Amino acid sequence: MTDDRLAALERRLQRLEDEREIVQLLTTYGPLVDSGCADEVAAIWTEDGVYDNDVIMMTGRDEIRAMVRSESHQGFIAGGCAHFNGPVAVQVDGDTAVAVTHSLMVLHEDGGFRVNRATANHWQLRRTDEGWRATVRTGRILDGHELAHGLLRTGALGQLPPTQ
């Protein structure tokens, strides 16, 4: 095998490993947040990471931990909830990446389950000493508004949206 072919193969393998790590990171969000693992949820982000959705904006791991520990979120857990995040489309560019996903929040109510919200998510990620971590997660409810659809058309599927 020539040096060029070996180098190309190593780059492809690294990209696949990066994509797999990112998918695994993002899909851990649901089980962790549903079980109230505040530290582990916060560790998905960088120390100064931003979690911006149409309900709340959190900056930094402390604010993300506080959301998981909040009375509101603990009420969801006590009543029965499930967060589903995926499938994940990832585009890696060196030490940065973007991903887009759908997420569903399902609540247990009146002996059954109902989808409480469906959201479009745009993730910006960075390779860190801890591994891949989210720098920004932007989520918008899929209620027909163009902002949510724009998140799905950008990032891993095209151009990055403007940062805040």
C-alpha atoms as a PDB file:
ATOM      1  CA  MET A   1       0.000   0.000   0.000  1.00  0.00           C
ATOM      2  CA  THR A   2       1.415   3.387  -0.965  1.00  0.00           C
ATOM      3  CA  ASP A   3       1.891   6.143   1.582  1.00  0.00           C
ATOM      4  CA  ASP A   4      -0.801   8.252  -0.130  1.00  0.00           C
ATOM      5  CA  ARG A   5      -3.346   5.427  -0.019  1.00  0.00           C
ATOM      6  CA  LEU A   6      -2.512   4.698   3.610  1.00  0.00           C
ATOM      7  CA  ALA A   7      -2.885   8.377   4.546  1.00  0.00           C
ATOM      8  CA  ALA A   8      -6.227   8.564   2.723  1.00  0.00           C
ATOM      9  CA  LEU A   9      -7.419   5.439   4.518  1.00  0.00           C
ATOM     10  CA  GLU A  10      -6.368   6.869   7.890  1.00  0.00           C
ATOM     11  CA  ARG A  11      -8.289  10.096   7.173  1.00  0.00           C
ATOM     12  CA  ARG A  12     -11.413   8.128   6.222  1.00  0.00           C
ATOM     13  CA  LEU A  13     -11.141   5.986   9.335  1.00  0.00           C
ATOM     14  CA  GLN A  14     -10.700   9.067  11.548  1.00  0.00           C
ATOM     15  CA  ARG A  15     -13.768  10.718   9.981  1.00  0.00           C
ATOM     16  CA  LEU A  16     -15.851   7.583  10.586  1.00  0.00           C
ATOM     17  CA  GLU A  17     -14.633   7.340  14.179  1.00  0.00           C
ATOM     18  CA  ASP A  18     -15.439  11.031  14.719  1.00  0.00           C
ATOM     19  CA  GLU A  19     -18.923  10.635  13.247  1.00  0.00           C
ATOM     20  CA  ARG A  20     -19.598   7.582  15.422  1.00  0.00           C
ATOM     21  CA  GLU A  21     -18.432   9.354  18.575  1.00  0.00           C
ATOM     22  CA  ILE A  22     -20.668  12.339  17.806  1.00  0.00           C
ATOM     23  CA  VAL A  23     -23.712  10.151  17.125  1.00  0.00           C
ATOM     24  CA  GLN A  24     -23.136   8.287  20.384  1.00  0.00           C
ATOM     25  CA  LEU A  25     -22.715  11.556  22.291  1.00  0.00           C
ATOM     26  CA  LEU A  26     -25.923  13.110  20.941  1.00  0.00           C
ATOM     27  CA  THR A  27     -28.047  10.001  21.393  1.00  0.00           C
ATOM     28  CA  THR A  28     -27.058   9.755  25.075  1.00  0.00           C
ATOM     29  CA  TYR A  29     -28.956  12.980  25.778  1.00  0.00           C
ATOM     30  CA  GLY A  30     -32.392  11.315  26.032  1.00  0.00           C
ATOM     31  CA  PRO A  31     -31.581   8.489  28.442  1.00  0.00           C
ATOM     32  CA  LEU A  32     -29.440  10.791  30.585  1.00  0.00           C
ATOM     33  CA  VAL A  33     -31.949  13.646  30.838  1.00  0.00           C
ATOM     34  CA  ASP A  34     -34.825  11.202  31.446  1.00  0.00           C
ATOM     35  CA  SER A  35     -32.962   9.641  34.359  1.00  0.00           C
ATOM     36  CA  GLY A  36     -31.993  13.006  35.863  1.00  0.00           C
ATOM     37  CA  CYS A  37     -28.228  12.608  35.374  1.00  0.00           C
ATOM     38  CA  ALA A  38     -27.481  16.328  35.505  1.00  0.00           C
ATOM     39  CA  ASP A  39     -23.680  16.093  35.487  1.00  0.00           C
ATOM     40  CA  GLU A  40     -23.646  13.673  32.565  1.00  0.00           C
ATOM     41  CA  VAL A  41     -26.127  15.772  30.565  1.00  0.00           C
ATOM     42  CA  ALA A  42     -24.037  18.901  31.179  1.00  0.00           C
ATOM     43  CA  ALA A  43     -20.890  17.034  30.077  1.00  0.00           C
ATOM     44  CA  ILE A  44     -22.334  16.729  26.555  1.00  0.00           C
ATOM     45  CA  TRP A  45     -21.466  20.452  26.199  1.00  0.00           C
ATOM     46  CA  THR A  46     -18.221  22.351  26.529  1.00  0.00           C
ATOM     47  CA  GLU A  47     -17.845  24.367  29.739  1.00  0.00           C
ATOM     48  CA  ASP A  48     -19.196  27.464  27.955  1.00  0.00           C
ATOM     49  CA  GLY A  49     -21.588  25.575  25.683  1.00  0.00           C
ATOM     50  CA  VAL A  50     -25.001  26.985  24.783  1.00  0.00           C
ATOM     51  CA  TYR A  51     -28.306  25.103  24.764  1.00  0.00           C
ATOM     52  CA  ASP A  52     -30.850  27.329  23.024  1.00  0.00           C
ATOM     53  CA  ASN A  53     -34.390  26.204  22.393  1.00  0.00           C
ATOM     54  CA  ASP A  54     -37.633  28.063  22.054  1.00  0.00           C
ATOM     55  CA  VAL A  55     -38.419  27.628  25.761  1.00  0.00           C
ATOM     56  CA  ILE A  56     -35.120  28.476  27.486  1.00  0.00           C
ATOM     57  CA  MET A  57     -31.530  29.423  26.703  1.00  0.00           C
ATOM     58  CA  MET A  58     -28.806  28.016  28.911  1.00  0.00           C
ATOM     59  CA  THR A  59     -25.155  28.997  28.791  1.00  0.00           C
ATOM     60  CA  GLY A  60     -22.561  26.815  30.473  1.00  0.00           C
ATOM     61  CA  ARG A  61     -22.704  23.480  32.180  1.00  0.00           C
ATOM     62  CA  ASP A  62     -24.023  24.909  35.452  1.00  0.00           C
ATOM     63  CA  GLU A  63     -27.186  26.233  33.788  1.00  0.00           C
ATOM     64  CA  ILE A  64     -27.711  22.940  31.958  1.00  0.00           C
ATOM     65  CA  ARG A  65     -27.313  21.024  35.246  1.00  0.00           C
ATOM     66  CA  ALA A  66     -29.809  23.387  36.869  1.00  0.00           C
ATOM     67  CA  MET A  67     -32.362  22.676  34.121  1.00  0.00           C
ATOM     68  CA  VAL A  68     -32.110  18.921  34.709  1.00  0.00           C
ATOM     69  CA  ARG A  69     -32.448  19.436  38.470  1.00  0.00           C
ATOM     70  CA  SER A  70     -35.293  21.953  38.148  1.00  0.00           C
ATOM     71  CA  GLU A  71     -38.707  21.290  39.655  1.00  0.00           C
ATOM     72  CA  SER A  72     -40.247  21.387  36.186  1.00  0.00           C
ATOM     73  CA  HIS A  73     -37.927  18.785  34.698  1.00  0.00           C
ATOM     74  CA  GLN A  74     -38.058  16.590  37.794  1.00  0.00           C
ATOM     75  CA  GLY A  75     -41.850  16.681  37.428  1.00  0.00           C
ATOM     76  CA  PHE A  76     -41.536  15.314  33.890  1.00  0.00           C
ATOM     77  CA  ILE A  77     -39.342  12.491  35.175  1.00  0.00           C
ATOM     78  CA  ALA A  78     -41.709  11.683  38.050  1.00  0.00           C
ATOM     79  CA  GLY A  79     -44.683  11.547  35.692  1.00  0.00           C
ATOM     80  CA  GLY A  80     -42.868   9.540  33.041  1.00  0.00           C
ATOM     81  CA  CYS A  81     -41.113  11.034  30.051  1.00  0.00           C
ATOM     82  CA  ALA A  82     -38.866   9.990  27.206  1.00  0.00           C
ATOM     83  CA  HIS A  83     -36.660  12.170  25.030  1.00  0.00           C
ATOM     84  CA  PHE A  84     -35.720  10.710  21.633  1.00  0.00           C
ATOM     85  CA  ASN A  85     -32.912  12.374  19.676  1.00  0.00           C
ATOM     86  CA  GLY A  86     -32.151  11.149  16.192  1.00  0.00           C
ATOM     87  CA  PRO A  87     -31.423  10.042  13.640  1.00  0.00           C
ATOM     88  CA  VAL A  88     -28.268  12.131  13.529  1.00  0.00           C
ATOM     89  CA  ALA A  89     -26.758  13.550  10.313  1.00  0.00           C
ATOM     90  CA  VAL A  90     -23.150  14.625  10.946  1.00  0.00           C
ATOM     91  CA  GLN A  91     -20.594  16.571   8.933  1.00  0.00           C
ATOM     92  CA  VAL A  92     -17.052  16.687  10.362  1.00  0.00           C
ATOM     93  CA  ASP A  93     -14.569  19.343   9.298  1.00  0.00           C
ATOM     94  CA  GLY A  94     -11.287  18.792  11.128  1.00  0.00           C
ATOM     95  CA  ASP A  95     -11.826  19.574  14.814  1.00  0.00           C
ATOM     96  CA  THR A  96     -15.331  20.985  14.344  1.00  0.00           C
ATOM     97  CA  ALA A  97     -18.571  19.399  13.253  1.00  0.00           C
ATOM     98  CA  VAL A  98     -22.234  20.118  12.774  1.00  0.00           C
ATOM     99  CA  ALA A  99     -25.146  17.748  13.165  1.00  0.00           C
ATOM    100  CA  VAL A 100     -28.880  17.965  12.645  1.00  0.00           C
ATOM    101  CA  THR A 101     -31.480  15.837  14.387  1.00  0.00           C
ATOM    102  CA  HIS A 102     -35.123  15.635  15.213  1.00  0.00           C
ATOM    103  CA  SER A 103     -36.110  15.149  18.828  1.00  0.00           C
ATOM    104  CA  LEU A 104     -39.350  14.084  20.442  1.00  0.00           C
ATOM    105  CA  MET A 105     -40.429  14.555  24.031  1.00  0.00           C
ATOM    106  CA  VAL A 106     -43.001  11.930  24.997  1.00  0.00           C
ATOM    107  CA  LEU A 107     -44.981  12.258  28.249  1.00  0.00           C
ATOM    108  CA  HIS A 108     -46.940   9.634  30.150  1.00  0.00           C
ATOM    109  CA  GLU A 109     -50.431  10.966  30.864  1.00  0.00           C
ATOM    110  CA  ASP A 110     -53.775   9.388  31.700  1.00  0.00           C
ATOM    111  CA  GLY A 111     -52.404   5.862  31.363  1.00  0.00           C
ATOM    112  CA  GLY A 112     -50.983   6.463  27.902  1.00  0.00           C
ATOM    113  CA  PHE A 113     -48.238   8.333  26.101  1.00  0.00           C
ATOM    114  CA  ARG A 114     -48.376  11.426  23.926  1.00  0.00           C
ATOM    115  CA  VAL A 115     -45.819  13.426  22.024  1.00  0.00           C
ATOM    116  CA  ASN A 116     -45.485  16.710  23.892  1.00  0.00           C
ATOM    117  CA  ARG A 117     -43.142  18.322  21.376  1.00  0.00           C
ATOM    118  CA  ALA A 118     -41.252  17.610  18.171  1.00  0.00           C
ATOM    119  CA  THR A 119     -38.155  19.707  17.627  1.00  0.00           C
ATOM    120  CA  ALA A 120     -35.571  20.378  14.919  1.00  0.00           C
ATOM    121  CA  ASN A 121     -32.051  20.569  16.335  1.00  0.00           C
ATOM    122  CA  HIS A 122     -28.847  22.026  14.955  1.00  0.00           C
ATOM    123  CA  TRP A 123     -25.701  21.081  16.885  1.00  0.00           C
ATOM    124  CA  GLN A 124     -22.275  22.693  16.604  1.00  0.00           C
ATOM    125  CA  LEU A 125     -19.487  20.563  18.068  1.00  0.00           C
ATOM    126  CA  ARG A 126     -15.773  20.758  18.756  1.00  0.00           C
ATOM    127  CA  ARG A 127     -13.108  18.150  19.466  1.00  0.00           C
ATOM    128  CA  THR A 128     -11.798  18.716  23.004  1.00  0.00           C
ATOM    129  CA  ASP A 129      -9.473  16.925  25.417  1.00  0.00           C
ATOM    130  CA  GLU A 130     -12.660  15.238  26.735  1.00  0.00           C
ATOM    131  CA  GLY A 131     -13.631  14.097  23.224  1.00  0.00           C
ATOM    132  CA  TRP A 132     -16.317  15.652  21.016  1.00  0.00           C
ATOM    133  CA  ARG A 133     -18.517  18.150  22.878  1.00  0.00           C
ATOM    134  CA  ALA A 134     -21.376  20.417  21.834  1.00  0.00           C
ATOM    135  CA  THR A 135     -20.624  24.119  21.706  1.00  0.00           C
ATOM    136  CA  VAL A 136     -24.146  25.139  20.639  1.00  0.00           C
ATOM    137  CA  ARG A 137     -27.405  23.215  20.383  1.00  0.00           C
ATOM    138  CA  THR A 138     -30.187  25.217  18.798  1.00  0.00           C
ATOM    139  CA  GLY A 139     -33.638  23.657  18.856  1.00  0.00           C
ATOM    140  CA  ARG A 140     -36.894  24.958  17.434  1.00  0.00           C
ATOM    141  CA  ILE A 141     -40.303  23.362  17.776  1.00  0.00           C
ATOM    142  CA  LEU A 142     -41.666  21.941  14.537  1.00  0.00           C
ATOM    143  CA  ASP A 143     -44.874  23.961  14.515  1.00  0.00           C
ATOM    144  CA  GLY A 144     -44.716  25.054  10.877  1.00  0.00           C
ATOM    145  CA  HIS A 145     -42.466  28.051  11.534  1.00  0.00           C
ATOM    146  CA  GLU A 146     -39.660  28.529   9.017  1.00  0.00           C
ATOM    147  CA  LEU A 147     -36.956  28.714  11.741  1.00  0.00           C
ATOM    148  CA  ALA A 148     -37.308  25.005  12.530  1.00  0.00           C
ATOM    149  CA  HIS A 149     -37.224  23.961   8.891  1.00  0.00           C
ATOM    150  CA  GLY A 150     -34.197  26.175   8.316  1.00  0.00           C
ATOM    151  CA  LEU A 151     -32.281  24.315  11.007  1.00  0.00           C
ATOM    152  CA  LEU A 152     -32.888  21.041   9.223  1.00  0.00           C
ATOM    153  CA  ARG A 153     -31.708  22.416   5.863  1.00  0.00           C
ATOM    154  CA  THR A 154     -28.454  23.756   7.290  1.00  0.00           C
ATOM    155  CA  GLY A 155     -25.418  22.438   9.055  1.00  0.00           C
ATOM    156  CA  ALA A 156     -24.814  18.787   8.285  1.00  0.00           C
ATOM    157  CA  LEU A 157     -26.946  19.186   5.172  1.00  0.00           C
ATOM    158  CA  GLY A 158     -25.556  22.472   3.868  1.00  0.00           C
ATOM    159  CA  GLN A 159     -24.488  25.901   5.078  1.00  0.00           C
ATOM    160  CA  LEU A 160     -24.216  26.788   8.747  1.00  0.00           C
ATOM    161  CA  PRO A 161     -26.821  29.217  10.025  1.00  0.00           C
ATOM    162  CA  PRO A 162     -25.542  32.502  11.475  1.00  0.00           C
ATOM    163  CA  THR A 163     -24.353  32.155  15.059  1.00  0.00           C
ATOM    164  CA  GLN A 164     -25.881  34.239  17.785  1.00  0.00           C
END
